[in-house]
Amino acid sequence: MVRKILHFDLDAFYCAVEELRHPELKGTPFAVGGRPESRGVVSSCSYAARQFGIRSAMGMAQAVRLCPELRVLPPDMREYGQVSGQVMGILHSVTPLVEQLSIDEAFLEVTERPEYASELARMVQSQVKERVGLPSSLGVATNKLVAKIATDVGKAAVRTGDYPRAVQVVPPGREAEFLAPLPVDALWGVGPRTRERLAARGIHKVSDVLAASAEELEQQFGKLGRDLRRQAQGIDQRPLVTEREAKSISQETTFAQDVVDTETLRRALRQQAAQVGARLQRGGLAARTVNLKLRWTDFTTQTRQTTPSQPVDDEEEIYRIALDLLASHRPEGAAVRLIGVGCSGLVPAVKQMSIFDMAADPEALAKEDQLNETVKTLRKRFGADAIRRGSDL
């Protein structure tokens, strides 16, 4: 059976969410990121801002120099996480085979669905727009590699100074033909240095990779050479890695500027724990190990982990463990560039009772279980932040 793979992408996601919240921003130059006076960087920028040459990862001070009237908004990761949860819920309603790549990107396998893949892509696009209000683009192909590239090609073809709404279809058997005219760095694994090495040997387009002999590519580039030739042929047999099959689930935040404030770090951990917990519960999983990732101002990275007495899938427990790890391993006043929460050692979730549960009031336990299940159902449908605890408000 020919595989049917969709690649889903929300373009300029942070800015698109901000325009939903603040319609007056539409058509104006603005960016989401850190303040220019604090060495902040651009996390996302509107299409109006891009007309001035502003790009993601650019220093905010430089962005303001390019466009003095640029409006700078601080990132609201809680809001972005909530909207992402709503979108991912729509994708999971189409197929359980969803591989979430990031807050705004995912693969879907719809091979078992009877509809044409292109019809499903347009249905997903329509539902996300109608139910969440966000434009999206999709690539349709027989594998992940070509579907991802198809999305990029489709978006580039419909650039009109606004968010693209593309559906790019690559028919089965036409993969190599579709890839041939593209620049070689469209292939995975080709960064600036590899592109320069390939260019020095006359390889500029994907078609040039096919024109080179397999022996020559392997001799000069080793395993990468073999991979590039396989990609240029449009071959990619990798399966989707769904949440149930994943070896770990994690969320992390890179701050636009170094963070010293402990409360800011706690808020980030709270949002991450909610996202990780929601993904565990959606996959029917629990974690044997919870880890905390910290990156310091010198860009060294430290990871610490702990193994609770029972596998966990509850956001409160994940959050509590992450807070304990933060308190134990972060020197007082140390500035943090990145913070993240991860869960590994994933196993099927099974409700277990501790000796304290056994001694508790059965009616109270039943009510607590019912409340937890209601919260899980609402979060699965409306996103991880649809229900918040009083301490978060």
Protein backbone atom coordinates (compact mmCIF):
# COMPACT_ATOMS: atom_id res chain seq x y z
CA MET A 1 0.00 0.00 0.00
CA VAL A 2 1.31 3.44 -0.93
CA ARG A 3 1.84 5.57 2.16
CA LYS A 4 0.01 8.88 2.58
CA ILE A 5 1.94 11.38 4.71
CA LEU A 6 0.94 14.95 5.55
CA HIS A 7 3.34 17.56 6.88
CA PHE A 8 1.55 20.33 8.80
CA ASP A 9 3.05 23.75 9.51
CA LEU A 10 1.87 26.97 11.16
CA ASP A 11 3.93 29.82 9.74
CA ALA A 12 5.20 32.63 12.04
CA PHE A 13 3.18 30.94 14.79
CA TYR A 14 3.86 33.37 17.65
CA CYS A 15 2.94 36.37 15.49
CA ALA A 16 -0.17 34.66 14.13
CA VAL A 17 -1.38 34.02 17.70
CA GLU A 18 -0.68 37.62 18.67
CA GLU A 19 -2.74 38.85 15.71
CA LEU A 20 -5.63 36.69 16.92
CA ARG A 21 -5.41 38.34 20.33
CA HIS A 22 -4.74 41.84 18.99
CA PRO A 23 -6.35 42.27 15.53
CA GLU A 24 -4.97 45.81 15.31
CA LEU A 25 -1.51 44.29 14.75
CA LYS A 26 -2.47 42.81 11.38
CA GLY A 27 -0.52 44.43 8.56
CA THR A 28 1.84 46.25 10.93
CA PRO A 29 5.55 45.58 11.55
CA PHE A 30 5.96 43.81 14.90
CA ALA A 31 8.14 41.13 16.43
CA VAL A 32 7.90 38.72 19.34
CA GLY A 33 11.06 38.45 21.42
CA GLY A 34 13.30 40.08 24.01
CA ARG A 35 13.71 43.80 24.49
CA PRO A 36 16.44 45.45 22.37
CA GLU A 37 18.05 47.08 25.41
CA SER A 38 18.49 43.65 27.01
CA ARG A 39 20.28 41.92 24.13
CA GLY A 40 17.00 40.28 23.12
CA VAL A 41 16.54 38.39 19.87
CA VAL A 42 13.65 38.09 17.43
CA SER A 43 11.71 34.87 18.07
CA SER A 44 9.13 35.59 15.36
CA CYS A 45 8.27 38.56 13.16
CA SER A 46 5.26 39.62 11.12
CA TYR A 47 5.30 39.68 7.35
CA ALA A 48 5.14 43.47 7.42
CA ALA A 49 8.34 43.43 9.49
CA ARG A 50 10.01 41.07 7.02
CA GLN A 51 9.65 43.74 4.34
CA PHE A 52 12.32 45.68 6.27
CA GLY A 53 14.74 42.73 6.23
CA ILE A 54 13.92 41.55 9.75
CA ARG A 55 14.28 37.81 10.34
CA SER A 56 13.96 35.32 13.20
CA ALA A 57 17.07 34.95 15.42
CA MET A 58 18.21 38.48 14.52
CA GLY A 59 19.20 40.70 17.43
CA MET A 60 16.24 42.87 18.42
CA ALA A 61 18.44 45.98 18.51
CA GLN A 62 19.34 45.42 14.86
CA ALA A 63 15.68 44.82 14.01
CA VAL A 64 14.70 48.16 15.58
CA ARG A 65 17.44 49.90 13.61
CA LEU A 66 16.03 48.43 10.39
CA CYS A 67 12.49 49.46 11.34
CA PRO A 68 12.33 52.20 14.02
CA GLU A 69 8.52 51.87 14.28
CA LEU A 70 8.78 48.12 15.02
CA ARG A 71 6.53 47.07 17.89
CA VAL A 72 8.17 44.54 20.21
CA LEU A 73 5.98 42.07 22.12
CA PRO A 74 7.22 39.76 24.90
CA PRO A 75 6.58 36.06 24.20
CA ASP A 76 3.61 34.52 26.02
CA MET A 77 4.56 30.85 26.05
CA ARG A 78 1.50 29.86 28.07
CA GLU A 79 -0.84 31.26 25.42
CA TYR A 80 1.17 29.73 22.58
CA GLY A 81 1.13 26.37 24.34
CA GLN A 82 -2.64 26.52 24.79
CA VAL A 83 -3.25 27.34 21.12
CA SER A 84 -0.81 24.63 20.04
CA GLY A 85 -2.73 22.12 22.16
CA GLN A 86 -5.97 23.04 20.39
CA VAL A 87 -4.34 22.59 16.98
CA MET A 88 -2.75 19.25 17.88
CA GLY A 89 -6.12 18.07 19.16
CA ILE A 90 -7.56 18.67 15.68
CA LEU A 91 -4.73 16.69 14.10
CA HIS A 92 -5.31 13.78 16.49
CA SER A 93 -9.00 13.78 15.56
CA VAL A 94 -7.96 12.98 11.98
CA THR A 95 -5.55 10.15 12.82
CA PRO A 96 -3.86 8.74 15.92
CA LEU A 97 -0.62 8.59 13.93
CA VAL A 98 0.72 12.08 14.66
CA GLU A 99 4.39 12.90 15.16
CA GLN A 100 4.64 16.34 16.76
CA LEU A 101 7.92 17.99 15.76
CA SER A 102 7.50 21.26 17.64
CA ILE A 103 4.88 23.62 19.02
CA ASP A 104 3.71 24.44 15.47
CA GLU A 105 4.69 21.51 13.24
CA ALA A 106 3.73 17.83 12.87
CA PHE A 107 3.56 14.83 10.55
CA LEU A 108 0.35 12.84 10.08
CA GLU A 109 0.09 9.39 8.52
CA VAL A 110 -3.32 8.91 6.86
CA THR A 111 -2.57 5.77 4.82
CA GLU A 112 -5.54 3.90 6.31
CA ARG A 113 -8.00 6.69 5.58
CA PRO A 114 -10.09 6.10 2.42
CA GLU A 115 -10.05 9.75 1.32
CA TYR A 116 -7.44 11.23 -0.98
CA ALA A 117 -4.57 12.64 1.04
CA SER A 118 -5.03 16.03 -0.63
CA GLU A 119 -8.67 16.10 0.52
CA LEU A 120 -7.61 15.37 4.09
CA ALA A 121 -4.96 18.08 3.92
CA ARG A 122 -7.52 20.68 2.87
CA MET A 123 -9.92 19.44 5.55
CA VAL A 124 -7.24 19.87 8.23
CA GLN A 125 -6.38 23.32 6.90
CA SER A 126 -10.04 24.33 6.95
CA GLN A 127 -10.71 22.99 10.46
CA VAL A 128 -7.67 24.71 11.97
CA LYS A 129 -8.74 27.99 10.40
CA GLU A 130 -12.39 27.68 11.44
CA ARG A 131 -11.87 26.35 14.98
CA VAL A 132 -8.66 28.09 16.01
CA GLY A 133 -8.41 30.97 13.54
CA LEU A 134 -4.90 30.22 12.26
CA PRO A 135 -3.72 29.79 8.66
CA SER A 136 -1.62 26.72 7.92
CA SER A 137 0.25 25.01 5.09
CA LEU A 138 0.58 21.31 4.32
CA GLY A 139 2.73 19.09 2.16
CA VAL A 140 1.38 15.78 0.85
CA ALA A 141 3.65 12.94 -0.27
CA THR A 142 4.50 9.27 0.22
CA ASN A 143 7.13 9.92 2.91
CA LYS A 144 8.24 12.40 5.57
CA LEU A 145 11.19 13.84 3.65
CA VAL A 146 9.23 14.82 0.55
CA ALA A 147 6.16 15.97 2.50
CA LYS A 148 8.28 18.37 4.57
CA ILE A 149 10.02 19.78 1.50
CA ALA A 150 6.67 20.05 -0.27
CA THR A 151 5.38 22.31 2.49
CA ASP A 152 8.38 24.61 2.11
CA VAL A 153 7.99 24.72 -1.68
CA GLY A 154 4.27 25.40 -1.41
CA LYS A 155 4.77 28.23 1.06
CA ALA A 156 7.44 29.85 -1.11
CA ALA A 157 5.16 29.70 -4.16
CA VAL A 158 2.30 31.63 -2.54
CA ARG A 159 4.21 34.35 -0.71
CA THR A 160 2.09 37.50 -0.98
CA GLY A 161 3.25 39.47 2.04
CA ASP A 162 0.83 37.55 4.27
CA TYR A 163 0.67 34.13 5.92
CA PRO A 164 0.81 31.40 3.26
CA ARG A 165 -2.06 28.91 2.97
CA ALA A 166 -0.54 26.26 0.74
CA VAL A 167 -1.34 22.62 0.04
CA GLN A 168 1.46 21.16 -2.09
CA VAL A 169 0.91 17.62 -3.41
CA VAL A 170 3.67 15.36 -4.76
CA PRO A 171 2.03 12.38 -6.55
CA PRO A 172 3.41 8.89 -5.92
CA GLY A 173 6.30 8.10 -8.27
CA ARG A 174 7.06 11.78 -8.93
CA GLU A 175 9.29 12.35 -5.89
CA ALA A 176 12.67 12.54 -7.68
CA GLU A 177 11.19 14.73 -10.42
CA PHE A 178 9.81 17.13 -7.81
CA LEU A 179 13.11 17.36 -5.92
CA ALA A 180 15.46 17.63 -8.92
CA PRO A 181 15.34 21.43 -9.54
CA LEU A 182 15.60 22.38 -5.86
CA PRO A 183 18.82 23.70 -4.27
CA VAL A 184 20.81 20.96 -2.60
CA ASP A 185 20.33 22.45 0.87
CA ALA A 186 16.64 21.52 0.62
CA LEU A 187 17.80 18.02 1.64
CA TRP A 188 18.13 17.14 5.30
CA GLY A 189 21.64 17.29 6.68
CA VAL A 190 22.93 19.95 4.27
CA GLY A 191 23.95 23.02 6.25
CA PRO A 192 26.15 25.93 5.14
CA ARG A 193 29.45 24.04 5.45
CA THR A 194 28.22 20.93 3.64
CA ARG A 195 26.65 23.12 0.96
CA GLU A 196 30.04 24.78 0.38
CA ARG A 197 31.76 21.39 0.13
CA LEU A 198 29.16 20.20 -2.37
CA ALA A 199 29.41 23.42 -4.40
CA ALA A 200 33.18 23.00 -4.63
CA ARG A 201 32.47 19.74 -6.47
CA GLY A 202 29.89 21.27 -8.79
CA ILE A 203 26.86 20.05 -6.84
CA HIS A 204 24.36 22.89 -6.49
CA LYS A 205 20.97 21.29 -7.11
CA VAL A 206 19.38 18.02 -6.08
CA SER A 207 19.67 16.87 -9.70
CA ASP A 208 23.45 17.26 -9.40
CA VAL A 209 23.44 14.75 -6.56
CA LEU A 210 21.78 12.19 -8.83
CA ALA A 211 24.24 12.97 -11.63
CA ALA A 212 27.20 12.19 -9.37
CA SER A 213 28.18 8.55 -8.96
CA ALA A 214 27.27 6.79 -5.74
CA GLU A 215 30.91 5.76 -5.28
CA GLU A 216 32.12 9.35 -5.61
CA LEU A 217 29.60 10.65 -3.10
CA GLU A 218 30.41 7.96 -0.57
CA GLN A 219 34.14 8.42 -1.01
CA GLN A 220 33.96 12.17 -0.46
CA PHE A 221 31.16 12.42 2.11
CA GLY A 222 30.92 8.97 3.71
CA LYS A 223 27.53 8.03 5.17
CA LEU A 224 26.19 11.50 4.37
CA GLY A 225 26.92 10.88 0.69
CA ARG A 226 24.82 7.70 0.73
CA ASP A 227 22.03 9.51 2.56
CA LEU A 228 22.05 12.41 0.11
CA ARG A 229 21.73 10.13 -2.89
CA ARG A 230 18.86 8.25 -1.28
CA GLN A 231 17.13 11.53 -0.46
CA ALA A 232 17.67 12.87 -4.00
CA GLN A 233 15.79 9.80 -5.26
CA GLY A 234 12.91 10.72 -2.96
CA ILE A 235 13.41 7.65 -0.78
CA ASP A 236 12.58 7.87 2.94
CA GLN A 237 11.28 4.82 4.77
CA ARG A 238 11.25 6.26 8.28
CA PRO A 239 8.01 5.63 10.18
CA LEU A 240 6.26 8.29 12.20
CA VAL A 241 7.29 8.36 15.85
CA THR A 242 4.05 8.87 17.75
CA GLU A 243 3.84 9.76 21.42
CA ARG A 244 3.17 6.11 22.32
CA GLU A 245 6.29 5.00 20.43
CA ALA A 246 8.51 7.85 21.58
CA LYS A 247 11.34 7.02 23.97
CA SER A 248 10.92 10.37 25.69
CA ILE A 249 8.72 13.46 25.70
CA SER A 250 10.08 16.89 26.52
CA GLN A 251 9.46 20.61 26.28
CA GLU A 252 12.02 23.39 26.62
CA THR A 253 12.22 27.16 26.42
CA THR A 254 15.15 29.26 25.22
CA PHE A 255 14.92 32.73 26.71
CA ALA A 256 15.66 35.81 24.63
CA GLN A 257 17.88 36.99 27.47
CA ASP A 258 19.47 35.33 30.49
CA VAL A 259 16.96 34.81 33.31
CA VAL A 260 17.84 35.21 36.97
CA ASP A 261 14.32 35.58 38.35
CA THR A 262 13.26 32.28 39.94
CA GLU A 263 9.56 33.00 39.46
CA THR A 264 10.05 33.30 35.69
CA LEU A 265 11.76 29.90 35.69
CA ARG A 266 8.93 28.40 37.73
CA ARG A 267 6.33 29.72 35.30
CA ALA A 268 8.23 28.18 32.40
CA LEU A 269 8.40 24.83 34.23
CA ARG A 270 4.68 24.97 35.00
CA GLN A 271 3.79 25.47 31.34
CA GLN A 272 6.23 22.76 30.23
CA ALA A 273 4.95 20.27 32.81
CA ALA A 274 1.38 20.87 31.59
CA GLN A 275 2.43 20.24 27.98
CA VAL A 276 4.43 17.11 28.81
CA GLY A 277 1.68 15.76 31.05
CA ALA A 278 -0.94 16.32 28.35
CA ARG A 279 1.15 14.48 25.76
CA LEU A 280 1.75 11.56 28.14
CA GLN A 281 -1.96 11.27 28.89
CA ARG A 282 -2.91 11.57 25.22
CA GLY A 283 -0.62 8.63 24.49
CA GLY A 284 -1.79 6.63 27.51
CA LEU A 285 1.74 6.72 28.92
CA ALA A 286 3.53 7.32 32.20
CA ALA A 287 7.21 8.10 32.82
CA ARG A 288 9.66 6.28 35.05
CA THR A 289 12.12 9.19 34.93
CA VAL A 290 11.71 12.98 35.02
CA ASN A 291 14.63 15.18 34.00
CA LEU A 292 15.45 18.87 34.11
CA LYS A 293 17.63 20.53 31.46
CA LEU A 294 19.45 23.80 32.14
CA ARG A 295 21.70 25.83 29.86
CA TRP A 296 23.83 28.48 31.49
CA THR A 297 25.07 31.82 30.14
CA ASP A 298 28.31 30.23 28.87
CA PHE A 299 26.13 27.82 26.81
CA THR A 300 27.16 24.76 28.80
CA THR A 301 24.22 22.41 29.34
CA GLN A 302 23.41 20.42 32.47
CA THR A 303 20.81 17.66 32.75
CA ARG A 304 19.66 16.18 36.04
CA GLN A 305 17.06 13.47 36.57
CA THR A 306 15.22 11.54 39.23
CA THR A 307 13.16 8.35 39.34
CA PRO A 308 9.93 8.62 41.36
CA SER A 309 8.59 5.63 43.28
CA GLN A 310 5.87 5.14 40.65
CA PRO A 311 5.66 6.15 36.97
CA VAL A 312 4.06 9.58 36.60
CA ASP A 313 1.77 11.22 34.04
CA ASP A 314 0.30 14.00 36.15
CA GLU A 315 1.43 17.56 35.46
CA GLU A 316 1.46 18.48 39.18
CA GLU A 317 3.82 15.63 40.01
CA ILE A 318 6.06 16.40 37.03
CA TYR A 319 6.11 20.07 38.02
CA ARG A 320 6.93 19.27 41.66
CA ILE A 321 9.82 17.01 40.66
CA ALA A 322 11.16 19.61 38.22
CA LEU A 323 11.03 22.29 40.93
CA ASP A 324 12.95 20.04 43.32
CA LEU A 325 15.62 19.44 40.68
CA LEU A 326 15.86 23.17 39.98
CA ALA A 327 16.28 23.98 43.67
CA SER A 328 18.92 21.26 44.10
CA HIS A 329 21.08 21.94 41.06
CA ARG A 330 20.85 25.64 40.27
CA PRO A 331 23.27 27.79 42.28
CA GLU A 332 21.51 30.70 43.95
CA GLY A 333 21.21 33.63 41.56
CA ALA A 334 22.63 31.72 38.58
CA ALA A 335 21.39 33.04 35.23
CA VAL A 336 19.66 30.56 32.91
CA ARG A 337 19.55 30.71 29.11
CA LEU A 338 17.39 27.59 28.54
CA ILE A 339 15.19 25.46 30.77
CA GLY A 340 13.35 22.27 29.91
CA VAL A 341 11.41 19.35 31.39
CA GLY A 342 11.55 15.84 29.98
CA CYS A 343 10.09 12.43 30.76
CA SER A 344 11.66 9.13 29.72
CA GLY A 345 11.36 5.44 30.47
CA LEU A 346 7.82 5.54 29.09
CA VAL A 347 5.42 2.73 30.01
CA PRO A 348 1.65 2.22 29.65
CA ALA A 349 -0.13 4.27 32.30
CA VAL A 350 -1.69 2.18 35.07
CA LYS A 351 -3.54 3.63 38.03
CA GLN A 352 -1.73 2.55 41.21
CA MET A 353 -2.65 3.28 44.81
CA SER A 354 -0.13 4.08 47.49
CA ILE A 355 -0.57 3.03 51.13
CA PHE A 356 -1.75 6.58 51.83
CA ASP A 357 -4.45 6.24 49.17
CA MET A 358 -5.61 2.98 50.73
CA ALA A 359 -6.03 4.66 54.09
CA ALA A 360 -7.92 7.63 52.65
CA ASP A 361 -11.65 8.14 52.29
CA PRO A 362 -12.76 6.01 49.26
CA GLU A 363 -15.48 8.52 48.34
CA ALA A 364 -12.96 11.39 48.34
CA LEU A 365 -10.57 9.36 46.20
CA ALA A 366 -13.34 8.59 43.72
CA LYS A 367 -14.23 12.28 43.48
CA GLU A 368 -10.57 13.20 42.95
CA ASP A 369 -10.23 10.57 40.21
CA GLN A 370 -13.39 11.84 38.52
CA LEU A 371 -12.10 15.42 38.67
CA ASN A 372 -8.72 14.40 37.24
CA GLU A 373 -10.37 12.52 34.38
CA THR A 374 -12.58 15.53 33.59
CA VAL A 375 -9.54 17.80 33.52
CA LYS A 376 -7.71 15.35 31.23
CA THR A 377 -10.69 15.20 28.84
CA LEU A 378 -10.97 18.98 28.64
CA ARG A 379 -7.23 19.37 28.06
CA LYS A 380 -7.23 16.70 25.39
CA ARG A 381 -10.00 18.54 23.55
CA PHE A 382 -9.04 22.18 24.15
CA GLY A 383 -5.31 22.14 24.95
CA ALA A 384 -3.06 21.69 27.96
CA ASP A 385 -3.85 25.15 29.37
CA ALA A 386 -7.63 25.02 28.96
CA ILE A 387 -7.90 24.39 32.72
CA ARG A 388 -5.52 26.21 35.06
CA ARG A 389 -4.88 25.89 38.76
CA GLY A 390 -5.45 28.85 41.04
CA SER A 391 -1.70 29.14 41.70
CA ASP A 392 -1.16 29.87 38.00
CA LEU A 393 -3.50 32.87 37.85
